Structures are given as C-alpha cells and as structure tokens.
Amino acid sequence: MYMIVKHAHLTIIALTFLLFIVSFILTLKQSDKVNHKILKIGPHILYTLFVVTFIYMLIVNPLNLYPFVNGWGSSKLAGFVFYVLS
C-alpha cells in the first residue's frame, strides 16, 4: 500500500508542475485560457491530495524519516509550504 501511495504522491507532484508550466506559458502568451476552470481549481485539488499522501507517508514511514527529526522530512515540508505560499 505504501508504494501505491508513494507513486500517487509522485504523480501528483508531476501534475502540479505540469499545471504550473501550462499556466505560466498561457500567462506569457496573454491567453484568455489562463482563466480556465481546471487551471483555477486543479492546483487546489492537487495540493489537497498532495497533503493527504504526504501525511499518509509520514505515518506509514518505513524509513523513519520524520519532519523536525530528519533533515529530509523537514526540507520536504518546508519546500511544500514555500511553494504553496508563493
């Protein structure tokens, strides 16, 4: 089950970056499609799924990589917070 959630987590990350790049390109082209519903709602859905899979992977963590105890977990959590706030 952990590997399924891990792959879902990585897929969500890829989709988030894809939506970000598409939105960036449409903004550069000054397209009206930048206000498309999927580009407005999609990131919020992906962020929610990202947080859910992140929390699951922290709870069922086979490598014992926890935020504020391990550098990897802390940097991942900080990176996500900075990404969402930007």
C-alpha atoms as a PDB file:
ATOM      1  CA  MET A   1       0.000   0.000   0.000  1.00  0.00           C
ATOM      2  CA  TYR A   2       2.870   2.370   0.790  1.00  0.00           C
ATOM      3  CA  MET A   3       4.284   2.051  -2.740  1.00  0.00           C
ATOM      4  CA  ILE A   4       0.890   2.798  -4.308  1.00  0.00           C
ATOM      5  CA  VAL A   5       0.572   5.973  -2.235  1.00  0.00           C
ATOM      6  CA  LYS A   6       4.187   6.891  -2.980  1.00  0.00           C
ATOM      7  CA  HIS A   7       3.596   6.600  -6.734  1.00  0.00           C
ATOM      8  CA  ALA A   8       0.350   8.568  -6.420  1.00  0.00           C
ATOM      9  CA  HIS A   9       2.293  11.224  -4.499  1.00  0.00           C
ATOM     10  CA  LEU A  10       4.926  11.462  -7.233  1.00  0.00           C
ATOM     11  CA  THR A  11       2.237  11.610  -9.930  1.00  0.00           C
ATOM     12  CA  ILE A  12       0.529  14.456  -8.071  1.00  0.00           C
ATOM     13  CA  ILE A  13       3.844  16.323  -7.942  1.00  0.00           C
ATOM     14  CA  ALA A  14       4.306  15.876 -11.702  1.00  0.00           C
ATOM     15  CA  LEU A  15       0.750  17.046 -12.428  1.00  0.00           C
ATOM     16  CA  THR A  16       1.224  20.087 -10.187  1.00  0.00           C
ATOM     17  CA  PHE A  17       4.355  21.117 -12.056  1.00  0.00           C
ATOM     18  CA  LEU A  18       2.642  20.460 -15.384  1.00  0.00           C
ATOM     19  CA  LEU A  19      -0.289  22.721 -14.466  1.00  0.00           C
ATOM     20  CA  PHE A  20       2.156  25.354 -13.232  1.00  0.00           C
ATOM     21  CA  ILE A  21       4.098  25.286 -16.521  1.00  0.00           C
ATOM     22  CA  VAL A  22       0.924  25.384 -18.635  1.00  0.00           C
ATOM     23  CA  SER A  23      -0.388  28.315 -16.615  1.00  0.00           C
ATOM     24  CA  PHE A  24       2.960  30.103 -16.957  1.00  0.00           C
ATOM     25  CA  ILE A  25       3.039  29.630 -20.741  1.00  0.00           C
ATOM     26  CA  LEU A  26      -0.562  30.807 -21.121  1.00  0.00           C
ATOM     27  CA  THR A  27       0.243  33.854 -18.994  1.00  0.00           C
ATOM     28  CA  LEU A  28       3.227  34.684 -21.193  1.00  0.00           C
ATOM     29  CA  LYS A  29       1.031  34.421 -24.288  1.00  0.00           C
ATOM     30  CA  GLN A  30      -1.620  36.577 -22.565  1.00  0.00           C
ATOM     31  CA  SER A  31      -4.207  33.953 -23.416  1.00  0.00           C
ATOM     32  CA  ASP A  32      -7.755  34.011 -22.087  1.00  0.00           C
ATOM     33  CA  LYS A  33      -7.408  30.293 -21.380  1.00  0.00           C
ATOM     34  CA  VAL A  34      -5.344  31.115 -18.294  1.00  0.00           C
ATOM     35  CA  ASN A  35      -8.682  31.660 -16.520  1.00  0.00           C
ATOM     36  CA  HIS A  36      -9.931  28.200 -17.454  1.00  0.00           C
ATOM     37  CA  LYS A  37     -11.696  26.415 -14.611  1.00  0.00           C
ATOM     38  CA  ILE A  38      -9.243  23.491 -14.477  1.00  0.00           C
ATOM     39  CA  LEU A  39      -6.299  25.873 -14.100  1.00  0.00           C
ATOM     40  CA  LYS A  40      -8.036  27.609 -11.193  1.00  0.00           C
ATOM     41  CA  ILE A  41      -9.435  24.603  -9.299  1.00  0.00           C
ATOM     42  CA  GLY A  42      -6.917  21.926 -10.311  1.00  0.00           C
ATOM     43  CA  PRO A  43      -3.992  23.107  -8.186  1.00  0.00           C
ATOM     44  CA  HIS A  44      -6.150  23.223  -5.048  1.00  0.00           C
ATOM     45  CA  ILE A  45      -7.327  19.663  -5.613  1.00  0.00           C
ATOM     46  CA  LEU A  46      -3.759  18.535  -6.248  1.00  0.00           C
ATOM     47  CA  TYR A  47      -2.487  20.339  -3.123  1.00  0.00           C
ATOM     48  CA  THR A  48      -5.122  18.581  -1.032  1.00  0.00           C
ATOM     49  CA  LEU A  49      -4.214  15.179  -2.452  1.00  0.00           C
ATOM     50  CA  PHE A  50      -0.528  16.012  -2.010  1.00  0.00           C
ATOM     51  CA  VAL A  51      -1.017  16.789   1.683  1.00  0.00           C
ATOM     52  CA  VAL A  52      -3.107  13.649   2.236  1.00  0.00           C
ATOM     53  CA  THR A  53      -0.497  11.398   0.620  1.00  0.00           C
ATOM     54  CA  PHE A  54       2.312  13.247   2.440  1.00  0.00           C
ATOM     55  CA  ILE A  55       0.647  12.686   5.822  1.00  0.00           C
ATOM     56  CA  TYR A  56      -0.018   9.033   4.988  1.00  0.00           C
ATOM     57  CA  MET A  57       3.612   8.500   4.027  1.00  0.00           C
ATOM     58  CA  LEU A  58       4.741  10.139   7.282  1.00  0.00           C
ATOM     59  CA  ILE A  59       2.523   7.842   9.341  1.00  0.00           C
ATOM     60  CA  VAL A  60       3.405   4.618   7.498  1.00  0.00           C
ATOM     61  CA  ASN A  61       7.024   5.619   7.001  1.00  0.00           C
ATOM     62  CA  PRO A  62       9.259   2.535   6.610  1.00  0.00           C
ATOM     63  CA  LEU A  63      12.449   4.637   6.618  1.00  0.00           C
ATOM     64  CA  ASN A  64      11.661   6.632   9.802  1.00  0.00           C
ATOM     65  CA  LEU A  65      12.134   9.984   8.042  1.00  0.00           C
ATOM     66  CA  TYR A  66      10.129  12.412  10.147  1.00  0.00           C
ATOM     67  CA  PRO A  67       9.950  16.215   9.895  1.00  0.00           C
ATOM     68  CA  PHE A  68      11.883  18.118  12.566  1.00  0.00           C
ATOM     69  CA  VAL A  69      13.800  14.917  13.374  1.00  0.00           C
ATOM     70  CA  ASN A  70      15.314  14.207   9.979  1.00  0.00           C
ATOM     71  CA  GLY A  71      16.627  16.793   7.512  1.00  0.00           C
ATOM     72  CA  TRP A  72      14.899  15.200   4.514  1.00  0.00           C
ATOM     73  CA  GLY A  73      11.426  15.346   6.030  1.00  0.00           C
ATOM     74  CA  SER A  74      11.918  18.899   7.266  1.00  0.00           C
ATOM     75  CA  SER A  75      13.185  20.157   3.913  1.00  0.00           C
ATOM     76  CA  LYS A  76      10.303  18.498   2.076  1.00  0.00           C
ATOM     77  CA  LEU A  77       7.748  20.041   4.419  1.00  0.00           C
ATOM     78  CA  ALA A  78       9.401  23.485   4.206  1.00  0.00           C
ATOM     79  CA  GLY A  79       9.583  23.267   0.402  1.00  0.00           C
ATOM     80  CA  PHE A  80       5.886  22.489   0.168  1.00  0.00           C
ATOM     81  CA  VAL A  81       4.948  25.362   2.492  1.00  0.00           C
ATOM     82  CA  PHE A  82       7.071  27.826   0.494  1.00  0.00           C
ATOM     83  CA  TYR A  83       5.629  26.537  -2.794  1.00  0.00           C
ATOM     84  CA  VAL A  84       2.037  26.958  -1.629  1.00  0.00           C
ATOM     85  CA  LEU A  85       2.681  30.413  -0.178  1.00  0.00           C
ATOM     86  CA  SER A  86       4.348  31.682  -3.362  1.00  0.00           C
END
